[in-house]
Amino acid sequence: MSDASPRTVWDGADRRTAQQRTRRRYRFFERRHGFDRRKRYPLLGGMRDHPWTVAAVIVLLNVLSLVDGWFTAAELGLGIARESNPVLAAASAESPWIAVWTKVGAMLVVSVVIWHGRRRRSVLALALVALALFAGLVGYHIVTLQRLGWL
């Protein structure tokens, strides 16, 4: 035991600090999709821990989508707007019911993706961004119709 080679004797220096990267690398596409157990996520962590909040976001998304569709149909009927979504514009050129079912089907797919991806930060963050965008879009419809005197 006293014949220790120089490789097995610890000299007290911590070599792990020299091996760390000194330059930080920014990655646009994060490799980790889940939650880091060492960090706190006040909003997204609450959504992850309470599935009813994810369900509420999904329900609100669908309600806002339906309200947006209703406002868009009303504005198209009044002749004060045109459909800006090219997929729905092409579908409504065929038949208004095709556009309705396209919108409902797309929201059904989005709802399923959000529900099955509720353990991923990126999916929860995108669900909140979509909720904010739909709320802004419905607000835009309301303000536009109020200024034109239709509401």
C-alpha atoms as a PDB file:
ATOM      1  CA  MET A   1       0.000   0.000   0.000  1.00  0.00           C
ATOM      2  CA  SER A   2       2.854   2.375   0.559  1.00  0.00           C
ATOM      3  CA  ASP A   3       4.050   1.744  -3.022  1.00  0.00           C
ATOM      4  CA  ALA A   4       1.439   4.047  -4.510  1.00  0.00           C
ATOM      5  CA  SER A   5       2.164   5.192  -8.022  1.00  0.00           C
ATOM      6  CA  PRO A   6       1.938   8.897  -8.800  1.00  0.00           C
ATOM      7  CA  ARG A   7      -1.295   8.307 -10.695  1.00  0.00           C
ATOM      8  CA  THR A   8      -3.189   6.957  -7.706  1.00  0.00           C
ATOM      9  CA  VAL A   9      -2.117   9.619  -5.246  1.00  0.00           C
ATOM     10  CA  TRP A  10      -4.390  12.629  -5.101  1.00  0.00           C
ATOM     11  CA  ASP A  11      -2.473  15.885  -5.109  1.00  0.00           C
ATOM     12  CA  GLY A  12      -5.445  18.003  -3.920  1.00  0.00           C
ATOM     13  CA  ALA A  13      -6.026  19.851  -7.192  1.00  0.00           C
ATOM     14  CA  ASP A  14      -9.567  19.831  -8.560  1.00  0.00           C
ATOM     15  CA  ARG A  15      -9.161  19.121 -12.256  1.00  0.00           C
ATOM     16  CA  ARG A  16     -12.871  19.366 -13.038  1.00  0.00           C
ATOM     17  CA  THR A  17     -12.764  23.168 -13.056  1.00  0.00           C
ATOM     18  CA  ALA A  18     -10.207  23.196 -15.867  1.00  0.00           C
ATOM     19  CA  GLN A  19     -12.391  20.961 -18.010  1.00  0.00           C
ATOM     20  CA  GLN A  20     -15.411  23.240 -17.912  1.00  0.00           C
ATOM     21  CA  ARG A  21     -16.256  25.352 -20.897  1.00  0.00           C
ATOM     22  CA  THR A  22     -15.369  28.981 -20.518  1.00  0.00           C
ATOM     23  CA  ARG A  23     -17.407  30.118 -23.512  1.00  0.00           C
ATOM     24  CA  ARG A  24     -21.157  29.678 -23.270  1.00  0.00           C
ATOM     25  CA  ARG A  25     -22.924  28.310 -26.307  1.00  0.00           C
ATOM     26  CA  TYR A  26     -26.396  29.421 -27.192  1.00  0.00           C
ATOM     27  CA  ARG A  27     -28.555  26.784 -28.791  1.00  0.00           C
ATOM     28  CA  PHE A  28     -31.736  27.884 -30.488  1.00  0.00           C
ATOM     29  CA  PHE A  29     -33.143  24.381 -30.394  1.00  0.00           C
ATOM     30  CA  GLU A  30     -33.033  23.178 -26.826  1.00  0.00           C
ATOM     31  CA  ARG A  31     -32.165  19.508 -26.544  1.00  0.00           C
ATOM     32  CA  ARG A  32     -33.974  19.062 -23.257  1.00  0.00           C
ATOM     33  CA  HIS A  33     -37.712  19.218 -23.613  1.00  0.00           C
ATOM     34  CA  GLY A  34     -38.760  18.418 -20.089  1.00  0.00           C
ATOM     35  CA  PHE A  35     -38.311  20.306 -16.862  1.00  0.00           C
ATOM     36  CA  ASP A  36     -35.021  20.611 -15.016  1.00  0.00           C
ATOM     37  CA  ARG A  37     -35.543  19.379 -11.462  1.00  0.00           C
ATOM     38  CA  ARG A  38     -33.038  21.901 -10.142  1.00  0.00           C
ATOM     39  CA  LYS A  39     -34.973  24.922 -11.426  1.00  0.00           C
ATOM     40  CA  ARG A  40     -38.325  26.411 -10.532  1.00  0.00           C
ATOM     41  CA  TYR A  41     -40.906  27.086 -13.210  1.00  0.00           C
ATOM     42  CA  PRO A  42     -43.681  29.120 -11.599  1.00  0.00           C
ATOM     43  CA  LEU A  43     -46.112  29.230 -14.527  1.00  0.00           C
ATOM     44  CA  LEU A  44     -45.182  26.235 -16.669  1.00  0.00           C
ATOM     45  CA  GLY A  45     -44.404  24.085 -13.637  1.00  0.00           C
ATOM     46  CA  GLY A  46     -47.863  24.796 -12.265  1.00  0.00           C
ATOM     47  CA  MET A  47     -49.367  23.778 -15.570  1.00  0.00           C
ATOM     48  CA  ARG A  48     -47.310  20.582 -15.548  1.00  0.00           C
ATOM     49  CA  ASP A  49     -48.276  19.690 -11.985  1.00  0.00           C
ATOM     50  CA  HIS A  50     -51.998  20.455 -12.401  1.00  0.00           C
ATOM     51  CA  PRO A  51     -53.462  18.922 -15.558  1.00  0.00           C
ATOM     52  CA  TRP A  52     -56.733  20.787 -15.056  1.00  0.00           C
ATOM     53  CA  THR A  53     -54.924  24.040 -15.937  1.00  0.00           C
ATOM     54  CA  VAL A  54     -53.813  22.513 -19.237  1.00  0.00           C
ATOM     55  CA  ALA A  55     -57.395  21.379 -19.841  1.00  0.00           C
ATOM     56  CA  ALA A  56     -58.609  24.917 -19.073  1.00  0.00           C
ATOM     57  CA  VAL A  57     -56.120  26.376 -21.557  1.00  0.00           C
ATOM     58  CA  ILE A  58     -57.296  23.890 -24.201  1.00  0.00           C
ATOM     59  CA  VAL A  59     -60.955  24.755 -23.567  1.00  0.00           C
ATOM     60  CA  LEU A  60     -60.196  28.491 -23.718  1.00  0.00           C
ATOM     61  CA  LEU A  61     -58.278  28.004 -26.968  1.00  0.00           C
ATOM     62  CA  ASN A  62     -61.214  26.191 -28.529  1.00  0.00           C
ATOM     63  CA  VAL A  63     -63.745  28.753 -27.300  1.00  0.00           C
ATOM     64  CA  LEU A  64     -61.649  31.642 -28.582  1.00  0.00           C
ATOM     65  CA  SER A  65     -61.199  29.856 -31.903  1.00  0.00           C
ATOM     66  CA  LEU A  66     -64.952  29.421 -32.245  1.00  0.00           C
ATOM     67  CA  VAL A  67     -65.557  33.080 -31.325  1.00  0.00           C
ATOM     68  CA  ASP A  68     -62.943  34.120 -33.868  1.00  0.00           C
ATOM     69  CA  GLY A  69     -64.651  31.982 -36.502  1.00  0.00           C
ATOM     70  CA  TRP A  70     -68.024  33.483 -35.641  1.00  0.00           C
ATOM     71  CA  PHE A  71     -66.686  37.048 -35.854  1.00  0.00           C
ATOM     72  CA  THR A  72     -64.898  36.278 -39.117  1.00  0.00           C
ATOM     73  CA  ALA A  73     -68.045  34.769 -40.629  1.00  0.00           C
ATOM     74  CA  ALA A  74     -70.038  37.819 -39.529  1.00  0.00           C
ATOM     75  CA  GLU A  75     -67.503  40.220 -41.016  1.00  0.00           C
ATOM     76  CA  LEU A  76     -67.369  38.226 -44.249  1.00  0.00           C
ATOM     77  CA  GLY A  77     -71.169  38.276 -44.423  1.00  0.00           C
ATOM     78  CA  LEU A  78     -71.243  42.022 -43.891  1.00  0.00           C
ATOM     79  CA  GLY A  79     -68.588  42.501 -46.561  1.00  0.00           C
ATOM     80  CA  ILE A  80     -66.257  44.476 -44.307  1.00  0.00           C
ATOM     81  CA  ALA A  81     -63.433  41.919 -44.213  1.00  0.00           C
ATOM     82  CA  ARG A  82     -61.804  39.104 -46.114  1.00  0.00           C
ATOM     83  CA  GLU A  83     -60.308  35.849 -44.893  1.00  0.00           C
ATOM     84  CA  SER A  84     -56.585  36.310 -44.327  1.00  0.00           C
ATOM     85  CA  ASN A  85     -55.827  32.649 -43.625  1.00  0.00           C
ATOM     86  CA  PRO A  86     -55.009  31.179 -47.055  1.00  0.00           C
ATOM     87  CA  VAL A  87     -56.087  27.653 -46.097  1.00  0.00           C
ATOM     88  CA  LEU A  88     -59.454  28.809 -44.796  1.00  0.00           C
ATOM     89  CA  ALA A  89     -59.856  31.196 -47.753  1.00  0.00           C
ATOM     90  CA  ALA A  90     -59.400  28.306 -50.193  1.00  0.00           C
ATOM     91  CA  ALA A  91     -61.740  26.114 -48.150  1.00  0.00           C
ATOM     92  CA  SER A  92     -64.416  28.817 -47.962  1.00  0.00           C
ATOM     93  CA  ALA A  93     -64.175  29.341 -51.720  1.00  0.00           C
ATOM     94  CA  GLU A  94     -65.359  25.738 -52.084  1.00  0.00           C
ATOM     95  CA  SER A  95     -67.969  25.833 -49.341  1.00  0.00           C
ATOM     96  CA  PRO A  96     -68.344  27.681 -46.029  1.00  0.00           C
ATOM     97  CA  TRP A  97     -68.941  24.355 -44.290  1.00  0.00           C
ATOM     98  CA  ILE A  98     -65.597  23.035 -45.488  1.00  0.00           C
ATOM     99  CA  ALA A  99     -63.945  26.070 -43.894  1.00  0.00           C
ATOM    100  CA  VAL A 100     -65.819  25.494 -40.633  1.00  0.00           C
ATOM    101  CA  TRP A 101     -64.842  21.827 -40.475  1.00  0.00           C
ATOM    102  CA  THR A 102     -61.252  22.662 -41.430  1.00  0.00           C
ATOM    103  CA  LYS A 103     -61.012  25.125 -38.544  1.00  0.00           C
ATOM    104  CA  VAL A 104     -62.671  22.729 -36.084  1.00  0.00           C
ATOM    105  CA  GLY A 105     -60.479  19.840 -37.236  1.00  0.00           C
ATOM    106  CA  ALA A 106     -57.309  21.901 -36.924  1.00  0.00           C
ATOM    107  CA  MET A 107     -58.232  22.958 -33.397  1.00  0.00           C
ATOM    108  CA  LEU A 108     -59.002  19.341 -32.503  1.00  0.00           C
ATOM    109  CA  VAL A 109     -55.532  18.297 -33.678  1.00  0.00           C
ATOM    110  CA  VAL A 110     -53.919  21.176 -31.773  1.00  0.00           C
ATOM    111  CA  SER A 111     -55.848  20.250 -28.625  1.00  0.00           C
ATOM    112  CA  VAL A 112     -54.690  16.631 -28.820  1.00  0.00           C
ATOM    113  CA  VAL A 113     -51.073  17.697 -29.385  1.00  0.00           C
ATOM    114  CA  ILE A 114     -51.172  20.032 -26.382  1.00  0.00           C
ATOM    115  CA  TRP A 115     -52.738  17.399 -24.149  1.00  0.00           C
ATOM    116  CA  HIS A 116     -50.276  14.664 -25.118  1.00  0.00           C
ATOM    117  CA  GLY A 117     -47.299  17.033 -24.930  1.00  0.00           C
ATOM    118  CA  ARG A 118     -48.197  18.561 -21.574  1.00  0.00           C
ATOM    119  CA  ARG A 119     -44.962  17.287 -19.995  1.00  0.00           C
ATOM    120  CA  ARG A 120     -42.841  19.389 -22.344  1.00  0.00           C
ATOM    121  CA  ARG A 121     -41.996  22.993 -21.618  1.00  0.00           C
ATOM    122  CA  SER A 122     -42.087  23.988 -25.271  1.00  0.00           C
ATOM    123  CA  VAL A 123     -45.617  22.662 -25.799  1.00  0.00           C
ATOM    124  CA  LEU A 124     -46.946  24.412 -22.699  1.00  0.00           C
ATOM    125  CA  ALA A 125     -45.249  27.667 -23.670  1.00  0.00           C
ATOM    126  CA  LEU A 126     -46.650  27.490 -27.202  1.00  0.00           C
ATOM    127  CA  ALA A 127     -50.114  26.789 -25.808  1.00  0.00           C
ATOM    128  CA  LEU A 128     -49.910  29.989 -23.753  1.00  0.00           C
ATOM    129  CA  VAL A 129     -48.641  31.951 -26.758  1.00  0.00           C
ATOM    130  CA  ALA A 130     -51.520  30.609 -28.871  1.00  0.00           C
ATOM    131  CA  LEU A 131     -53.971  31.561 -26.136  1.00  0.00           C
ATOM    132  CA  ALA A 132     -52.615  35.105 -26.042  1.00  0.00           C
ATOM    133  CA  LEU A 133     -52.737  35.394 -29.845  1.00  0.00           C
ATOM    134  CA  PHE A 134     -56.326  34.171 -30.038  1.00  0.00           C
ATOM    135  CA  ALA A 135     -57.338  36.534 -27.227  1.00  0.00           C
ATOM    136  CA  GLY A 136     -55.707  39.407 -29.109  1.00  0.00           C
ATOM    137  CA  LEU A 137     -57.441  38.378 -32.328  1.00  0.00           C
ATOM    138  CA  VAL A 138     -60.856  38.261 -30.669  1.00  0.00           C
ATOM    139  CA  GLY A 139     -60.140  41.629 -29.062  1.00  0.00           C
ATOM    140  CA  TYR A 140     -59.250  43.009 -32.476  1.00  0.00           C
ATOM    141  CA  HIS A 141     -62.550  41.753 -33.899  1.00  0.00           C
ATOM    142  CA  ILE A 142     -64.510  43.332 -31.041  1.00  0.00           C
ATOM    143  CA  VAL A 143     -62.783  46.707 -31.357  1.00  0.00           C
ATOM    144  CA  THR A 144     -63.182  46.722 -35.143  1.00  0.00           C
ATOM    145  CA  LEU A 145     -66.892  45.924 -34.999  1.00  0.00           C
ATOM    146  CA  GLN A 146     -67.459  48.495 -32.238  1.00  0.00           C
ATOM    147  CA  ARG A 147     -65.749  51.249 -34.224  1.00  0.00           C
ATOM    148  CA  LEU A 148     -67.818  50.405 -37.282  1.00  0.00           C
ATOM    149  CA  GLY A 149     -70.986  50.516 -35.170  1.00  0.00           C
ATOM    150  CA  TRP A 150     -71.943  46.873 -35.607  1.00  0.00           C
ATOM    151  CA  LEU A 151     -71.636  45.993 -31.892  1.00  0.00           C
END
